[in-house]
PDB file of N, CA and C in Angstrom:
ATOM      1  N   MET A   1      18.804  -5.843  -4.824  1.00  0.00           N
ATOM      2  CA  MET A   1      19.648  -5.378  -3.777  1.00  0.00           C
ATOM      3  C   MET A   1      19.037  -5.238  -2.379  1.00  0.00           C
ATOM      4  N   ALA A   2      17.720  -4.807  -2.243  1.00  0.00           N
ATOM      5  CA  ALA A   2      17.118  -4.597  -1.086  1.00  0.00           C
ATOM      6  C   ALA A   2      16.964  -6.119  -0.546  1.00  0.00           C
ATOM      7  N   ARG A   3      16.471  -6.938  -1.403  1.00  0.00           N
ATOM      8  CA  ARG A   3      16.250  -8.364  -0.822  1.00  0.00           C
ATOM      9  C   ARG A   3      17.539  -9.051  -0.342  1.00  0.00           C
ATOM     10  N   GLU A   4      18.667  -8.774  -1.077  1.00  0.00           N
ATOM     11  CA  GLU A   4      19.932  -9.127  -0.625  1.00  0.00           C
ATOM     12  C   GLU A   4      20.310  -8.673   0.802  1.00  0.00           C
ATOM     13  N   LYS A   5      19.971  -7.421   1.022  1.00  0.00           N
ATOM     14  CA  LYS A   5      20.370  -6.748   2.231  1.00  0.00           C
ATOM     15  C   LYS A   5      19.408  -6.933   3.343  1.00  0.00           C
ATOM     16  N   GLY A   6      18.197  -7.568   2.997  1.00  0.00           N
ATOM     17  CA  GLY A   6      17.165  -7.904   3.909  1.00  0.00           C
ATOM     18  C   GLY A   6      16.408  -6.561   4.404  1.00  0.00           C
ATOM     19  N   VAL A   7      16.200  -5.726   3.467  1.00  0.00           N
ATOM     20  CA  VAL A   7      15.483  -4.433   3.821  1.00  0.00           C
ATOM     21  C   VAL A   7      14.458  -4.320   2.660  1.00  0.00           C
ATOM     22  N   SER A   8      13.498  -3.376   2.962  1.00  0.00           N
ATOM     23  CA  SER A   8      12.403  -3.101   1.864  1.00  0.00           C
ATOM     24  C   SER A   8      13.096  -2.124   0.833  1.00  0.00           C
ATOM     25  N   PRO A   9      12.379  -2.108  -0.325  1.00  0.00           N
ATOM     26  CA  PRO A   9      13.035  -1.206  -1.397  1.00  0.00           C
ATOM     27  C   PRO A   9      12.912   0.294  -0.966  1.00  0.00           C
ATOM     28  N   ALA A  10      11.822   0.670  -0.169  1.00  0.00           N
ATOM     29  CA  ALA A  10      11.753   1.944   0.368  1.00  0.00           C
ATOM     30  C   ALA A  10      12.881   2.206   1.337  1.00  0.00           C
ATOM     31  N   GLN A  11      13.384   1.366   2.020  1.00  0.00           N
ATOM     32  CA  GLN A  11      14.450   1.537   3.017  1.00  0.00           C
ATOM     33  C   GLN A  11      15.746   1.734   2.225  1.00  0.00           C
ATOM     34  N   LEU A  12      15.866   0.958   1.190  1.00  0.00           N
ATOM     35  CA  LEU A  12      17.077   0.998   0.497  1.00  0.00           C
ATOM     36  C   LEU A  12      17.207   2.321  -0.215  1.00  0.00           C
ATOM     37  N   VAL A  13      16.179   2.785  -0.745  1.00  0.00           N
ATOM     38  CA  VAL A  13      16.191   4.181  -1.327  1.00  0.00           C
ATOM     39  C   VAL A  13      16.406   5.226  -0.339  1.00  0.00           C
ATOM     40  N   LEU A  14      15.744   5.208   0.809  1.00  0.00           N
ATOM     41  CA  LEU A  14      15.861   6.202   1.875  1.00  0.00           C
ATOM     42  C   LEU A  14      17.259   6.266   2.257  1.00  0.00           C
ATOM     43  N   ALA A  15      17.894   4.993   2.437  1.00  0.00           N
ATOM     44  CA  ALA A  15      19.196   4.978   2.945  1.00  0.00           C
ATOM     45  C   ALA A  15      20.199   5.567   1.972  1.00  0.00           C
ATOM     46  N   TRP A  16      19.898   5.293   0.656  1.00  0.00           N
ATOM     47  CA  TRP A  16      20.737   5.945  -0.351  1.00  0.00           C
ATOM     48  C   TRP A  16      20.708   7.400  -0.359  1.00  0.00           C
ATOM     49  N   LEU A  17      19.430   7.867  -0.251  1.00  0.00           N
ATOM     50  CA  LEU A  17      19.359   9.442  -0.294  1.00  0.00           C
ATOM     51  C   LEU A  17      20.108   9.967   0.962  1.00  0.00           C
ATOM     52  N   LEU A  18      19.955   9.156   2.056  1.00  0.00           N
ATOM     53  CA  LEU A  18      20.760   9.764   3.345  1.00  0.00           C
ATOM     54  C   LEU A  18      22.144   9.776   3.165  1.00  0.00           C
ATOM     55  N   ALA A  19      22.631   8.734   2.334  1.00  0.00           N
ATOM     56  CA  ALA A  19      24.052   8.685   2.065  1.00  0.00           C
ATOM     57  C   ALA A  19      24.565   9.721   1.127  1.00  0.00           C
ATOM     58  N   GLN A  20      23.756  10.560   0.638  1.00  0.00           N
ATOM     59  CA  GLN A  20      24.169  11.514  -0.389  1.00  0.00           C
ATOM     60  C   GLN A  20      25.000  12.751   0.271  1.00  0.00           C
ATOM     61  N   GLY A  21      24.589  13.011   1.740  1.00  0.00           N
ATOM     62  CA  GLY A  21      25.379  14.007   2.209  1.00  0.00           C
ATOM     63  C   GLY A  21      24.442  14.589   3.126  1.00  0.00           C
ATOM     64  N   ASP A  22      25.011  15.494   4.125  1.00  0.00           N
ATOM     65  CA  ASP A  22      24.111  16.124   5.298  1.00  0.00           C
ATOM     66  C   ASP A  22      23.213  17.090   4.699  1.00  0.00           C
ATOM     67  N   ASP A  23      23.312  17.528   3.643  1.00  0.00           N
ATOM     68  CA  ASP A  23      22.309  18.459   3.110  1.00  0.00           C
ATOM     69  C   ASP A  23      21.111  17.943   2.186  1.00  0.00           C
ATOM     70  N   ILE A  24      20.979  16.576   2.361  1.00  0.00           N
ATOM     71  CA  ILE A  24      19.822  15.838   1.786  1.00  0.00           C
ATOM     72  C   ILE A  24      18.911  15.363   2.835  1.00  0.00           C
ATOM     73  N   PHE A  25      17.661  15.828   2.713  1.00  0.00           N
ATOM     74  CA  PHE A  25      16.567  15.469   3.769  1.00  0.00           C
ATOM     75  C   PHE A  25      15.371  14.875   2.969  1.00  0.00           C
ATOM     76  N   PRO A  26      15.481  13.448   2.864  1.00  0.00           N
ATOM     77  CA  PRO A  26      14.332  12.758   2.269  1.00  0.00           C
ATOM     78  C   PRO A  26      13.011  12.926   3.175  1.00  0.00           C
ATOM     79  N   ILE A  27      12.112  13.179   2.525  1.00  0.00           N
ATOM     80  CA  ILE A  27      10.757  13.297   3.214  1.00  0.00           C
ATOM     81  C   ILE A  27       9.732  12.371   2.687  1.00  0.00           C
ATOM     82  N   PRO A  28       9.690  11.103   3.146  1.00  0.00           N
ATOM     83  CA  PRO A  28       8.745  10.209   2.706  1.00  0.00           C
ATOM     84  C   PRO A  28       7.464  10.394   3.172  1.00  0.00           C
ATOM     85  N   GLY A  29       6.427  10.188   2.316  1.00  0.00           N
ATOM     86  CA  GLY A  29       5.093  10.366   2.735  1.00  0.00           C
ATOM     87  C   GLY A  29       4.308   8.975   2.983  1.00  0.00           C
ATOM     88  N   THR A  30       3.512   8.929   3.985  1.00  0.00           N
ATOM     89  CA  THR A  30       2.727   7.837   4.217  1.00  0.00           C
ATOM     90  C   THR A  30       1.714   8.132   5.162  1.00  0.00           C
ATOM     91  N   SER A  31       0.542   7.295   4.923  1.00  0.00           N
ATOM     92  CA  SER A  31      -0.517   7.454   5.949  1.00  0.00           C
ATOM     93  C   SER A  31      -0.624   6.015   6.874  1.00  0.00           C
ATOM     94  N   ASN A  32       0.280   5.277   6.799  1.00  0.00           N
ATOM     95  CA  ASN A  32       0.418   4.014   7.485  1.00  0.00           C
ATOM     96  C   ASN A  32       1.482   3.972   8.529  1.00  0.00           C
ATOM     97  N   THR A  33       1.058   3.770   9.774  1.00  0.00           N
ATOM     98  CA  THR A  33       2.247   3.939  10.877  1.00  0.00           C
ATOM     99  C   THR A  33       3.137   2.816  10.806  1.00  0.00           C
ATOM    100  N   ASN A  34       2.859   1.706  10.153  1.00  0.00           N
ATOM    101  CA  ASN A  34       3.746   0.424   9.967  1.00  0.00           C
ATOM    102  C   ASN A  34       4.869   0.971   8.921  1.00  0.00           C
ATOM    103  N   ARG A  35       4.421   1.703   7.962  1.00  0.00           N
ATOM    104  CA  ARG A  35       5.358   2.150   6.953  1.00  0.00           C
ATOM    105  C   ARG A  35       6.374   3.198   7.510  1.00  0.00           C
ATOM    106  N   LEU A  36       5.573   4.133   8.372  1.00  0.00           N
ATOM    107  CA  LEU A  36       6.508   5.098   8.957  1.00  0.00           C
ATOM    108  C   LEU A  36       7.566   4.433   9.757  1.00  0.00           C
ATOM    109  N   ASP A  37       7.150   3.394  10.696  1.00  0.00           N
ATOM    110  CA  ASP A  37       8.218   2.789  11.268  1.00  0.00           C
ATOM    111  C   ASP A  37       9.430   2.203  10.396  1.00  0.00           C
ATOM    112  N   GLU A  38       8.835   1.595   9.340  1.00  0.00           N
ATOM    113  CA  GLU A  38       9.680   0.900   8.458  1.00  0.00           C
ATOM    114  C   GLU A  38      10.640   2.033   7.619  1.00  0.00           C
ATOM    115  N   ASN A  39      10.317   3.172   7.477  1.00  0.00           N
ATOM    116  CA  ASN A  39      10.995   4.316   6.777  1.00  0.00           C
ATOM    117  C   ASN A  39      12.026   4.794   7.776  1.00  0.00           C
ATOM    118  N   ALA A  40      11.620   4.804   9.073  1.00  0.00           N
ATOM    119  CA  ALA A  40      12.578   5.306   9.970  1.00  0.00           C
ATOM    120  C   ALA A  40      13.749   4.460  10.283  1.00  0.00           C
ATOM    121  N   LYS A  41      13.555   3.301  10.155  1.00  0.00           N
ATOM    122  CA  LYS A  41      14.686   2.319  10.282  1.00  0.00           C
ATOM    123  C   LYS A  41      15.698   2.343   9.104  1.00  0.00           C
ATOM    124  N   ALA A  42      15.413   3.125   8.071  1.00  0.00           N
ATOM    125  CA  ALA A  42      16.291   3.152   6.933  1.00  0.00           C
ATOM    126  C   ALA A  42      17.583   3.889   7.520  1.00  0.00           C
ATOM    127  N   VAL A  43      17.642   4.501   8.609  1.00  0.00           N
ATOM    128  CA  VAL A  43      18.940   5.266   9.087  1.00  0.00           C
ATOM    129  C   VAL A  43      19.743   4.171   9.562  1.00  0.00           C
ATOM    130  N   GLU A  44      19.283   2.919   9.632  1.00  0.00           N
ATOM    131  CA  GLU A  44      20.214   1.811  10.189  1.00  0.00           C
ATOM    132  C   GLU A  44      20.811   1.078   9.061  1.00  0.00           C
ATOM    133  N   VAL A  45      20.283   1.330   7.894  1.00  0.00           N
ATOM    134  CA  VAL A  45      20.846   0.512   6.711  1.00  0.00           C
ATOM    135  C   VAL A  45      22.261   1.170   6.088  1.00  0.00           C
ATOM    136  N   ARG A  46      23.176   0.399   6.014  1.00  0.00           N
ATOM    137  CA  ARG A  46      24.462   0.704   5.749  1.00  0.00           C
ATOM    138  C   ARG A  46      24.795   0.269   4.190  1.00  0.00           C
ATOM    139  N   LEU A  47      25.164   1.312   3.351  1.00  0.00           N
ATOM    140  CA  LEU A  47      25.625   0.901   1.926  1.00  0.00           C
ATOM    141  C   LEU A  47      27.017   1.015   1.734  1.00  0.00           C
ATOM    142  N   THR A  48      27.536   0.146   0.941  1.00  0.00           N
ATOM    143  CA  THR A  48      29.055   0.227   0.562  1.00  0.00           C
ATOM    144  C   THR A  48      28.986   1.247  -0.512  1.00  0.00           C
ATOM    145  N   GLU A  49      30.310   1.640  -0.836  1.00  0.00           N
ATOM    146  CA  GLU A  49      30.405   2.603  -1.924  1.00  0.00           C
ATOM    147  C   GLU A  49      29.982   2.039  -3.332  1.00  0.00           C
ATOM    148  N   ASP A  50      30.317   0.651  -3.349  1.00  0.00           N
ATOM    149  CA  ASP A  50      29.896  -0.152  -4.568  1.00  0.00           C
ATOM    150  C   ASP A  50      28.268  -0.124  -4.683  1.00  0.00           C
ATOM    151  N   GLU A  51      27.620  -0.376  -3.577  1.00  0.00           N
ATOM    152  CA  GLU A  51      26.110  -0.376  -3.565  1.00  0.00           C
ATOM    153  C   GLU A  51      25.584   1.185  -3.954  1.00  0.00           C
ATOM    154  N   LYS A  52      26.290   2.220  -3.385  1.00  0.00           N
ATOM    155  CA  LYS A  52      25.712   3.500  -3.622  1.00  0.00           C
ATOM    156  C   LYS A  52      25.928   3.765  -5.156  1.00  0.00           C
ATOM    157  N   ASN A  53      26.948   3.429  -5.642  1.00  0.00           N
ATOM    158  CA  ASN A  53      27.289   3.591  -7.044  1.00  0.00           C
ATOM    159  C   ASN A  53      26.329   2.783  -8.014  1.00  0.00           C
ATOM    160  N   ALA A  54      26.205   1.579  -7.604  1.00  0.00           N
ATOM    161  CA  ALA A  54      25.209   0.754  -8.414  1.00  0.00           C
ATOM    162  C   ALA A  54      23.768   1.451  -8.458  1.00  0.00           C
ATOM    163  N   ILE A  55      23.377   1.933  -7.361  1.00  0.00           N
ATOM    164  CA  ILE A  55      21.979   2.493  -7.144  1.00  0.00           C
ATOM    165  C   ILE A  55      22.047   3.804  -8.018  1.00  0.00           C
ATOM    166  N   ARG A  56      22.908   4.613  -8.014  1.00  0.00           N
ATOM    167  CA  ARG A  56      23.140   5.809  -8.876  1.00  0.00           C
ATOM    168  C   ARG A  56      22.999   5.417 -10.290  1.00  0.00           C
ATOM    169  N   LYS A  57      23.886   4.323 -10.660  1.00  0.00           N
ATOM    170  CA  LYS A  57      23.916   4.086 -12.220  1.00  0.00           C
ATOM    171  C   LYS A  57      22.431   3.636 -12.562  1.00  0.00           C
ATOM    172  N   ALA A  58      21.743   2.869 -11.777  1.00  0.00           N
ATOM    173  CA  ALA A  58      20.388   2.346 -12.171  1.00  0.00           C
ATOM    174  C   ALA A  58      19.527   3.654 -12.308  1.00  0.00           C
ATOM    175  N   CYS A  59      19.688   4.660 -11.353  1.00  0.00           N
ATOM    176  CA  CYS A  59      18.778   5.909 -11.610  1.00  0.00           C
ATOM    177  C   CYS A  59      19.044   6.566 -12.851  1.00  0.00           C
ATOM    178  N   GLU A  60      20.312   6.707 -13.221  1.00  0.00           N
ATOM    179  CA  GLU A  60      20.805   7.399 -14.362  1.00  0.00           C
ATOM    180  C   GLU A  60      20.235   6.784 -15.604  1.00  0.00           C
ATOM    181  N   VAL A  61      20.062   5.544 -15.620  1.00  0.00           N
ATOM    182  CA  VAL A  61      19.684   4.777 -16.842  1.00  0.00           C
ATOM    183  C   VAL A  61      18.244   4.423 -16.829  1.00  0.00           C
ATOM    184  N   ALA A  62      17.510   4.661 -15.902  1.00  0.00           N
ATOM    185  CA  ALA A  62      16.104   4.387 -15.801  1.00  0.00           C
ATOM    186  C   ALA A  62      15.324   5.205 -16.780  1.00  0.00           C
ATOM    187  N   ASP A  63      14.398   4.706 -17.425  1.00  0.00           N
ATOM    188  CA  ASP A  63      13.511   5.377 -18.459  1.00  0.00           C
ATOM    189  C   ASP A  63      12.142   5.881 -17.737  1.00  0.00           C
ATOM    190  N   VAL A  64      12.267   6.866 -17.039  1.00  0.00           N
ATOM    191  CA  VAL A  64      11.078   7.390 -16.298  1.00  0.00           C
ATOM    192  C   VAL A  64      10.120   8.296 -17.255  1.00  0.00           C
ATOM    193  N   THR A  65       9.064   7.933 -17.371  1.00  0.00           N
ATOM    194  CA  THR A  65       7.909   8.817 -18.036  1.00  0.00           C
ATOM    195  C   THR A  65       6.638   8.781 -17.382  1.00  0.00           C
ATOM    196  N   GLY A  66       6.006   9.850 -17.682  1.00  0.00           N
ATOM    197  CA  GLY A  66       4.569   9.890 -17.133  1.00  0.00           C
ATOM    198  C   GLY A  66       4.591  10.885 -16.008  1.00  0.00           C
ATOM    199  N   ASP A  67       3.330  11.120 -15.563  1.00  0.00           N
ATOM    200  CA  ASP A  67       3.130  11.937 -14.487  1.00  0.00           C
ATOM    201  C   ASP A  67       3.180  11.186 -13.163  1.00  0.00           C
ATOM    202  N   CYS A  68       3.354  11.899 -12.022  1.00  0.00           N
ATOM    203  CA  CYS A  68       3.442  11.096 -10.788  1.00  0.00           C
ATOM    204  C   CYS A  68       1.967  10.756 -10.317  1.00  0.00           C
ATOM    205  N   TYR A  69       1.026  11.586 -10.744  1.00  0.00           N
ATOM    206  CA  TYR A  69      -0.237  11.171 -10.363  1.00  0.00           C
ATOM    207  C   TYR A  69      -1.190  11.037 -11.569  1.00  0.00           C
ATOM    208  N   GLN A  70      -2.322  10.475 -11.337  1.00  0.00           N
ATOM    209  CA  GLN A  70      -3.406  10.270 -12.405  1.00  0.00           C
ATOM    210  C   GLN A  70      -3.861  11.554 -12.765  1.00  0.00           C
ATOM    211  N   LYS A  71      -4.120  11.669 -14.078  1.00  0.00           N
ATOM    212  CA  LYS A  71      -4.547  12.964 -14.707  1.00  0.00           C
ATOM    213  C   LYS A  71      -5.755  13.598 -13.828  1.00  0.00           C
ATOM    214  N   GLU A  72      -6.761  12.872 -13.265  1.00  0.00           N
ATOM    215  CA  GLU A  72      -7.586  13.477 -12.492  1.00  0.00           C
ATOM    216  C   GLU A  72      -7.204  14.191 -11.174  1.00  0.00           C
ATOM    217  N   MET A  73      -6.073  13.592 -10.654  1.00  0.00           N
ATOM    218  CA  MET A  73      -5.600  14.214  -9.376  1.00  0.00           C
ATOM    219  C   MET A  73      -4.662  15.457  -9.825  1.00  0.00           C
ATOM    220  N   MET A  74      -3.948  15.342 -10.929  1.00  0.00           N
ATOM    221  CA  MET A  74      -3.050  16.423 -11.265  1.00  0.00           C
ATOM    222  C   MET A  74      -3.639  17.885 -11.189  1.00  0.00           C
ATOM    223  N   SER A  75      -4.956  18.016 -11.591  1.00  0.00           N
ATOM    224  CA  SER A  75      -5.636  19.250 -11.496  1.00  0.00           C
ATOM    225  C   SER A  75      -5.812  19.777 -10.045  1.00  0.00           C
ATOM    226  N   SER A  76      -5.882  18.802  -9.184  1.00  0.00           N
ATOM    227  CA  SER A  76      -6.117  19.299  -7.824  1.00  0.00           C
ATOM    228  C   SER A  76      -4.803  19.730  -7.126  1.00  0.00           C
ATOM    229  N   LEU A  77      -3.819  19.556  -7.852  1.00  0.00           N
ATOM    230  CA  LEU A  77      -2.515  20.004  -7.334  1.00  0.00           C
ATOM    231  C   LEU A  77      -2.183  21.432  -7.550  1.00  0.00           C
ATOM    232  N   PHE A  78      -2.885  22.171  -8.385  1.00  0.00           N
ATOM    233  CA  PHE A  78      -2.611  23.454  -8.678  1.00  0.00           C
ATOM    234  C   PHE A  78      -4.002  24.208  -8.832  1.00  0.00           C
ATOM    235  N   ASP A  79      -3.905  25.407  -8.333  1.00  0.00           N
ATOM    236  CA  ASP A  79      -5.084  26.125  -8.340  1.00  0.00           C
ATOM    237  C   ASP A  79      -4.610  27.463  -9.350  1.00  0.00           C
ATOM    238  N   ASN A  80      -5.549  28.230  -9.749  1.00  0.00           N
ATOM    239  CA  ASN A  80      -5.219  29.342 -10.482  1.00  0.00           C
ATOM    240  C   ASN A  80      -5.392  30.743  -9.737  1.00  0.00           C
ATOM    241  N   THR A  81      -5.234  30.473  -8.376  1.00  0.00           N
ATOM    242  CA  THR A  81      -5.255  31.738  -7.425  1.00  0.00           C
ATOM    243  C   THR A  81      -3.965  32.500  -7.776  1.00  0.00           C
ATOM    244  N   PRO A  82      -4.022  33.894  -7.989  1.00  0.00           N
ATOM    245  CA  PRO A  82      -2.762  34.503  -7.995  1.00  0.00           C
ATOM    246  C   PRO A  82      -2.142  34.721  -6.751  1.00  0.00           C
ATOM    247  N   PRO A  83      -0.768  34.597  -6.777  1.00  0.00           N
ATOM    248  CA  PRO A  83      -0.047  34.756  -5.466  1.00  0.00           C
ATOM    249  C   PRO A  83      -0.331  36.197  -4.909  1.00  0.00           C
ATOM    250  N   LEU A  84      -0.263  36.198  -3.594  1.00  0.00           N
ATOM    251  CA  LEU A  84      -0.449  37.541  -2.824  1.00  0.00           C
ATOM    252  C   LEU A  84       0.728  38.502  -3.173  1.00  0.00           C
TER     253      LEU A  84
END
């Protein structure tokens, strides 16, 4: 769908998230200024209701497994310091 619309997959996903309502605030992360500019242009992407529904359906049936980060990195995300 991204290719058909002439946008990047990241732009498509960000556009879809933005289309979910005024209470949704996607916060993409990047260390690359080119990607930052690309992500910002997602606000210009317009999705039809059919496209929004197709993306939602694809998300609902996706078989997502595993951690977001490699095992070695997961331990750095959490420390055992008790809250104040």
